[in-house]
Amino acid sequence: MNTTLKKTLFWTPRIAGILFILFISLFALDIFDMKLGFWGTIVGLFMHLIPSILLTIAIVVAWKWEWFGALLFIGWALWYVAFMRGFPWVAYVLIAGLPALIGLLFLVDWIWREQIRAR
């Protein structure tokens, strides 16, 4: 396995996970349109950022244990599809499909860990 492929397989799920967390975090910005006052905005912002916080924990864990990261990201996708209803199909593709893909990339990273980490 060449060096470029090794680096790509190592970094792609991590960078994609971080970008997905930033994307999900953008949805929290709608709290500022609600005019809730200072404490209401702080509480609302925290509530809106809970998915981002959970996914940040998942990416930190996945950095070391790829198999667990694959489980967490694929689990997120399955949970979203199972419990969230009434959204257009595009929402499911973005909010469930992307983490499922990231989870599969972490799974590939875990399966080929010895080849990727070898110098």
N, C-alpha and C. Protein backbone atom coordinates (compact mmCIF):
# COMPACT_ATOMS: atom_id res chain seq x y z
N MET A 1 0.85 -1.17 0.00
CA MET A 1 0.00 0.00 0.00
C MET A 1 0.90 1.24 0.00
N ASN A 2 0.65 2.15 -0.95
CA ASN A 2 1.53 3.32 -1.03
C ASN A 2 1.19 4.35 0.05
N THR A 3 2.08 5.27 0.25
CA THR A 3 1.97 6.25 1.33
C THR A 3 0.76 7.16 1.16
N THR A 4 0.47 7.56 -0.07
CA THR A 4 -0.67 8.46 -0.30
C THR A 4 -1.98 7.78 0.08
N LEU A 5 -2.15 6.53 -0.29
CA LEU A 5 -3.37 5.80 0.06
C LEU A 5 -3.47 5.60 1.56
N LYS A 6 -2.36 5.33 2.22
CA LYS A 6 -2.36 5.18 3.67
C LYS A 6 -2.84 6.45 4.36
N LYS A 7 -2.27 7.58 3.93
CA LYS A 7 -2.66 8.86 4.53
C LYS A 7 -4.12 9.19 4.24
N THR A 8 -4.57 8.88 3.04
CA THR A 8 -5.95 9.15 2.67
C THR A 8 -6.91 8.31 3.51
N LEU A 9 -6.61 7.03 3.68
CA LEU A 9 -7.47 6.16 4.48
C LEU A 9 -7.45 6.55 5.95
N PHE A 10 -6.34 7.09 6.42
CA PHE A 10 -6.26 7.50 7.82
C PHE A 10 -7.02 8.81 8.05
N TRP A 11 -6.80 9.80 7.20
CA TRP A 11 -7.33 11.14 7.46
C TRP A 11 -8.75 11.39 6.96
N THR A 12 -9.19 10.69 5.94
CA THR A 12 -10.51 10.97 5.37
C THR A 12 -11.64 10.83 6.38
N PRO A 13 -11.76 9.74 7.14
CA PRO A 13 -12.88 9.69 8.08
C PRO A 13 -12.79 10.72 9.19
N ARG A 14 -11.59 11.06 9.60
CA ARG A 14 -11.42 12.03 10.68
C ARG A 14 -11.81 13.44 10.22
N ILE A 15 -11.32 13.84 9.06
CA ILE A 15 -11.65 15.16 8.54
C ILE A 15 -13.14 15.23 8.17
N ALA A 16 -13.67 14.18 7.57
CA ALA A 16 -15.10 14.16 7.22
C ALA A 16 -15.95 14.23 8.49
N GLY A 17 -15.53 13.56 9.54
CA GLY A 17 -16.26 13.63 10.81
C GLY A 17 -16.26 15.03 11.39
N ILE A 18 -15.13 15.69 11.36
CA ILE A 18 -15.04 17.06 11.87
C ILE A 18 -15.91 17.99 11.02
N LEU A 19 -15.86 17.85 9.71
CA LEU A 19 -16.69 18.68 8.84
C LEU A 19 -18.18 18.42 9.07
N PHE A 20 -18.55 17.17 9.30
CA PHE A 20 -19.94 16.85 9.59
C PHE A 20 -20.39 17.48 10.90
N ILE A 21 -19.54 17.46 11.91
CA ILE A 21 -19.86 18.09 13.19
C ILE A 21 -20.05 19.59 13.00
N LEU A 22 -19.20 20.22 12.22
CA LEU A 22 -19.36 21.66 11.95
C LEU A 22 -20.67 21.92 11.21
N PHE A 23 -21.02 21.05 10.26
CA PHE A 23 -22.28 21.19 9.53
C PHE A 23 -23.47 21.09 10.46
N ILE A 24 -23.48 20.09 11.33
CA ILE A 24 -24.58 19.91 12.28
C ILE A 24 -24.65 21.10 13.24
N SER A 25 -23.50 21.64 13.60
CA SER A 25 -23.47 22.77 14.53
C SER A 25 -24.11 24.02 13.94
N LEU A 26 -24.11 24.14 12.64
CA LEU A 26 -24.72 25.32 12.00
C LEU A 26 -26.21 25.42 12.31
N PHE A 27 -26.87 24.29 12.53
CA PHE A 27 -28.30 24.31 12.83
C PHE A 27 -28.60 24.96 14.18
N ALA A 28 -27.61 25.06 15.04
CA ALA A 28 -27.81 25.69 16.35
C ALA A 28 -27.93 27.21 16.24
N LEU A 29 -27.50 27.77 15.13
CA LEU A 29 -27.53 29.23 15.00
C LEU A 29 -28.94 29.80 14.92
N ASP A 30 -29.93 28.98 14.62
CA ASP A 30 -31.30 29.50 14.54
C ASP A 30 -31.84 29.94 15.90
N ILE A 31 -31.18 29.57 16.98
CA ILE A 31 -31.61 29.97 18.31
C ILE A 31 -31.53 31.48 18.49
N PHE A 32 -30.64 32.13 17.74
CA PHE A 32 -30.48 33.58 17.89
C PHE A 32 -31.64 34.36 17.28
N ASP A 33 -32.45 33.74 16.44
CA ASP A 33 -33.62 34.40 15.88
C ASP A 33 -34.82 34.38 16.82
N MET A 34 -34.75 33.64 17.89
CA MET A 34 -35.91 33.45 18.76
C MET A 34 -36.07 34.54 19.82
N LYS A 35 -35.08 35.37 20.02
CA LYS A 35 -35.16 36.47 20.99
C LYS A 35 -35.57 35.96 22.38
N LEU A 36 -34.80 35.05 22.91
CA LEU A 36 -35.12 34.41 24.19
C LEU A 36 -34.46 35.09 25.39
N GLY A 37 -33.69 36.09 25.19
CA GLY A 37 -32.92 36.67 26.29
C GLY A 37 -31.62 35.92 26.45
N PHE A 38 -30.79 36.42 27.36
CA PHE A 38 -29.45 35.85 27.51
C PHE A 38 -29.49 34.39 27.96
N TRP A 39 -30.16 34.10 29.10
CA TRP A 39 -30.13 32.75 29.64
C TRP A 39 -30.93 31.79 28.77
N GLY A 40 -32.01 32.24 28.21
CA GLY A 40 -32.78 31.39 27.30
C GLY A 40 -31.97 31.02 26.07
N THR A 41 -31.19 31.98 25.57
CA THR A 41 -30.34 31.71 24.42
C THR A 41 -29.22 30.73 24.77
N ILE A 42 -28.63 30.89 25.95
CA ILE A 42 -27.56 29.99 26.39
C ILE A 42 -28.09 28.56 26.52
N VAL A 43 -29.23 28.40 27.18
CA VAL A 43 -29.81 27.07 27.36
C VAL A 43 -30.22 26.49 26.01
N GLY A 44 -30.85 27.30 25.17
CA GLY A 44 -31.26 26.83 23.84
C GLY A 44 -30.07 26.45 22.97
N LEU A 45 -29.01 27.24 23.05
CA LEU A 45 -27.80 26.93 22.29
C LEU A 45 -27.19 25.62 22.75
N PHE A 46 -27.15 25.43 24.07
CA PHE A 46 -26.63 24.16 24.59
C PHE A 46 -27.48 22.99 24.11
N MET A 47 -28.80 23.14 24.16
CA MET A 47 -29.70 22.06 23.72
C MET A 47 -29.51 21.75 22.23
N HIS A 48 -29.33 22.79 21.43
CA HIS A 48 -29.13 22.59 20.00
C HIS A 48 -27.77 21.96 19.69
N LEU A 49 -26.81 22.17 20.58
CA LEU A 49 -25.46 21.66 20.33
C LEU A 49 -25.21 20.28 20.94
N ILE A 50 -26.20 19.68 21.58
CA ILE A 50 -26.01 18.34 22.15
C ILE A 50 -25.59 17.32 21.09
N PRO A 51 -26.21 17.28 19.90
CA PRO A 51 -25.72 16.33 18.89
C PRO A 51 -24.26 16.59 18.50
N SER A 52 -23.88 17.85 18.41
CA SER A 52 -22.49 18.18 18.06
C SER A 52 -21.54 17.74 19.16
N ILE A 53 -21.95 17.90 20.40
CA ILE A 53 -21.11 17.47 21.53
C ILE A 53 -20.95 15.96 21.52
N LEU A 54 -22.05 15.24 21.30
CA LEU A 54 -21.97 13.77 21.25
C LEU A 54 -21.10 13.29 20.10
N LEU A 55 -21.24 13.92 18.95
CA LEU A 55 -20.42 13.52 17.80
C LEU A 55 -18.96 13.91 17.98
N THR A 56 -18.71 15.00 18.71
CA THR A 56 -17.32 15.36 19.01
C THR A 56 -16.68 14.30 19.91
N ILE A 57 -17.43 13.83 20.89
CA ILE A 57 -16.93 12.74 21.74
C ILE A 57 -16.68 11.50 20.88
N ALA A 58 -17.58 11.24 19.95
CA ALA A 58 -17.42 10.07 19.06
C ALA A 58 -16.15 10.19 18.22
N ILE A 59 -15.86 11.37 17.71
CA ILE A 59 -14.67 11.53 16.86
C ILE A 59 -13.39 11.42 17.69
N VAL A 60 -13.44 11.90 18.93
CA VAL A 60 -12.27 11.78 19.82
C VAL A 60 -12.00 10.30 20.12
N VAL A 61 -13.06 9.55 20.41
CA VAL A 61 -12.90 8.12 20.68
C VAL A 61 -12.45 7.39 19.42
N ALA A 62 -13.02 7.77 18.28
CA ALA A 62 -12.70 7.10 17.01
C ALA A 62 -11.26 7.36 16.57
N TRP A 63 -10.68 8.43 17.03
CA TRP A 63 -9.30 8.74 16.65
C TRP A 63 -8.36 7.63 17.11
N LYS A 64 -8.65 7.06 18.25
CA LYS A 64 -7.80 6.00 18.78
C LYS A 64 -8.33 4.60 18.45
N TRP A 65 -9.65 4.41 18.60
CA TRP A 65 -10.27 3.11 18.38
C TRP A 65 -11.24 3.23 17.20
N GLU A 66 -10.74 2.92 16.01
CA GLU A 66 -11.53 3.10 14.79
C GLU A 66 -12.79 2.25 14.78
N TRP A 67 -12.72 1.04 15.31
CA TRP A 67 -13.89 0.15 15.31
C TRP A 67 -15.01 0.75 16.14
N PHE A 68 -14.67 1.39 17.24
CA PHE A 68 -15.69 2.00 18.09
C PHE A 68 -16.26 3.25 17.43
N GLY A 69 -15.42 3.98 16.72
CA GLY A 69 -15.90 5.14 15.96
C GLY A 69 -16.86 4.71 14.87
N ALA A 70 -16.54 3.60 14.19
CA ALA A 70 -17.45 3.07 13.17
C ALA A 70 -18.78 2.72 13.80
N LEU A 71 -18.75 2.08 14.95
CA LEU A 71 -19.97 1.71 15.65
C LEU A 71 -20.77 2.95 16.05
N LEU A 72 -20.11 3.97 16.56
CA LEU A 72 -20.81 5.18 17.00
C LEU A 72 -21.43 5.94 15.83
N PHE A 73 -20.69 6.11 14.75
CA PHE A 73 -21.22 6.87 13.62
C PHE A 73 -22.34 6.11 12.90
N ILE A 74 -22.17 4.81 12.72
CA ILE A 74 -23.24 4.03 12.09
C ILE A 74 -24.44 3.95 13.03
N GLY A 75 -24.18 3.86 14.32
CA GLY A 75 -25.27 3.88 15.31
C GLY A 75 -26.04 5.20 15.27
N TRP A 76 -25.33 6.31 15.12
CA TRP A 76 -25.99 7.61 14.98
C TRP A 76 -26.92 7.60 13.78
N ALA A 77 -26.43 7.10 12.66
CA ALA A 77 -27.24 7.07 11.44
C ALA A 77 -28.49 6.21 11.62
N LEU A 78 -28.33 5.05 12.22
CA LEU A 78 -29.47 4.16 12.45
C LEU A 78 -30.47 4.78 13.42
N TRP A 79 -29.97 5.42 14.47
CA TRP A 79 -30.84 6.09 15.43
C TRP A 79 -31.64 7.20 14.75
N TYR A 80 -30.98 7.98 13.93
CA TYR A 80 -31.67 9.08 13.26
C TYR A 80 -32.78 8.56 12.36
N VAL A 81 -32.50 7.54 11.58
CA VAL A 81 -33.52 6.99 10.68
C VAL A 81 -34.67 6.36 11.48
N ALA A 82 -34.36 5.72 12.59
CA ALA A 82 -35.38 5.01 13.37
C ALA A 82 -36.30 5.96 14.14
N PHE A 83 -35.76 7.07 14.62
CA PHE A 83 -36.54 7.91 15.53
C PHE A 83 -36.97 9.26 14.99
N MET A 84 -36.38 9.74 13.95
CA MET A 84 -36.76 11.04 13.40
C MET A 84 -37.72 10.82 12.24
N ARG A 85 -38.86 11.43 12.30
CA ARG A 85 -39.90 11.26 11.28
C ARG A 85 -40.34 12.62 10.75
N GLY A 86 -40.86 12.60 9.53
CA GLY A 86 -41.47 13.79 8.97
C GLY A 86 -40.54 14.72 8.23
N PHE A 87 -39.34 14.29 7.94
CA PHE A 87 -38.39 15.13 7.22
C PHE A 87 -38.32 14.69 5.76
N PRO A 88 -37.94 15.60 4.88
CA PRO A 88 -37.74 15.18 3.48
C PRO A 88 -36.57 14.19 3.38
N TRP A 89 -36.54 13.42 2.31
CA TRP A 89 -35.51 12.39 2.15
C TRP A 89 -34.10 12.98 2.14
N VAL A 90 -33.97 14.23 1.71
CA VAL A 90 -32.64 14.87 1.67
C VAL A 90 -32.07 14.99 3.08
N ALA A 91 -32.92 15.26 4.05
CA ALA A 91 -32.45 15.36 5.44
C ALA A 91 -31.89 14.02 5.92
N TYR A 92 -32.54 12.94 5.53
CA TYR A 92 -32.03 11.62 5.92
C TYR A 92 -30.70 11.31 5.24
N VAL A 93 -30.57 11.73 3.99
CA VAL A 93 -29.31 11.49 3.28
C VAL A 93 -28.18 12.27 3.94
N LEU A 94 -28.44 13.52 4.30
CA LEU A 94 -27.39 14.35 4.88
C LEU A 94 -27.09 13.99 6.33
N ILE A 95 -28.13 13.85 7.14
CA ILE A 95 -27.92 13.71 8.58
C ILE A 95 -27.76 12.26 9.00
N ALA A 96 -28.17 11.31 8.17
CA ALA A 96 -27.94 9.90 8.47
C ALA A 96 -26.96 9.26 7.50
N GLY A 97 -27.02 9.66 6.25
CA GLY A 97 -26.16 9.05 5.24
C GLY A 97 -24.69 9.41 5.40
N LEU A 98 -24.42 10.67 5.68
CA LEU A 98 -23.03 11.09 5.84
C LEU A 98 -22.35 10.42 7.03
N PRO A 99 -22.97 10.37 8.22
CA PRO A 99 -22.30 9.66 9.31
C PRO A 99 -22.18 8.15 9.05
N ALA A 100 -23.14 7.57 8.32
CA ALA A 100 -23.00 6.16 7.96
C ALA A 100 -21.78 5.95 7.08
N LEU A 101 -21.58 6.84 6.12
CA LEU A 101 -20.39 6.78 5.26
C LEU A 101 -19.11 6.98 6.08
N ILE A 102 -19.13 7.93 7.00
CA ILE A 102 -17.97 8.16 7.86
C ILE A 102 -17.70 6.92 8.71
N GLY A 103 -18.75 6.31 9.23
CA GLY A 103 -18.60 5.08 10.00
C GLY A 103 -17.99 3.96 9.17
N LEU A 104 -18.43 3.84 7.92
CA LEU A 104 -17.84 2.83 7.03
C LEU A 104 -16.37 3.12 6.75
N LEU A 105 -16.02 4.38 6.63
CA LEU A 105 -14.61 4.74 6.43
C LEU A 105 -13.78 4.40 7.67
N PHE A 106 -14.33 4.64 8.86
CA PHE A 106 -13.63 4.22 10.07
C PHE A 106 -13.50 2.70 10.13
N LEU A 107 -14.50 1.98 9.64
CA LEU A 107 -14.44 0.53 9.62
C LEU A 107 -13.33 0.04 8.69
N VAL A 108 -13.22 0.66 7.52
CA VAL A 108 -12.13 0.32 6.59
C VAL A 108 -10.79 0.64 7.23
N ASP A 109 -10.72 1.78 7.91
CA ASP A 109 -9.49 2.18 8.60
C ASP A 109 -9.11 1.15 9.66
N TRP A 110 -10.10 0.62 10.37
CA TRP A 110 -9.82 -0.38 11.40
C TRP A 110 -9.40 -1.71 10.78
N ILE A 111 -10.07 -2.12 9.70
CA ILE A 111 -9.75 -3.40 9.06
C ILE A 111 -8.33 -3.40 8.51
N TRP A 112 -7.92 -2.30 7.92
CA TRP A 112 -6.58 -2.21 7.33
C TRP A 112 -5.60 -1.45 8.22
N ARG A 113 -5.85 -1.47 9.50
CA ARG A 113 -5.04 -0.71 10.45
C ARG A 113 -3.55 -1.05 10.37
N GLU A 114 -3.21 -2.32 10.30
CA GLU A 114 -1.81 -2.72 10.28
C GLU A 114 -1.10 -2.18 9.04
N GLN A 115 -1.79 -2.23 7.88
CA GLN A 115 -1.17 -1.74 6.65
C GLN A 115 -1.07 -0.21 6.65
N ILE A 116 -2.10 0.45 7.20
CA ILE A 116 -2.10 1.92 7.22
C ILE A 116 -1.08 2.46 8.18
N ARG A 117 -0.94 1.84 9.35
CA ARG A 117 -0.03 2.34 10.39
C ARG A 117 1.42 1.88 10.17
N ALA A 118 1.63 0.93 9.27
CA ALA A 118 2.99 0.44 9.02
C ALA A 118 3.81 1.52 8.33
N ARG A 119 5.06 1.59 8.64
CA ARG A 119 5.95 2.61 8.05
C ARG A 119 6.75 2.01 6.93
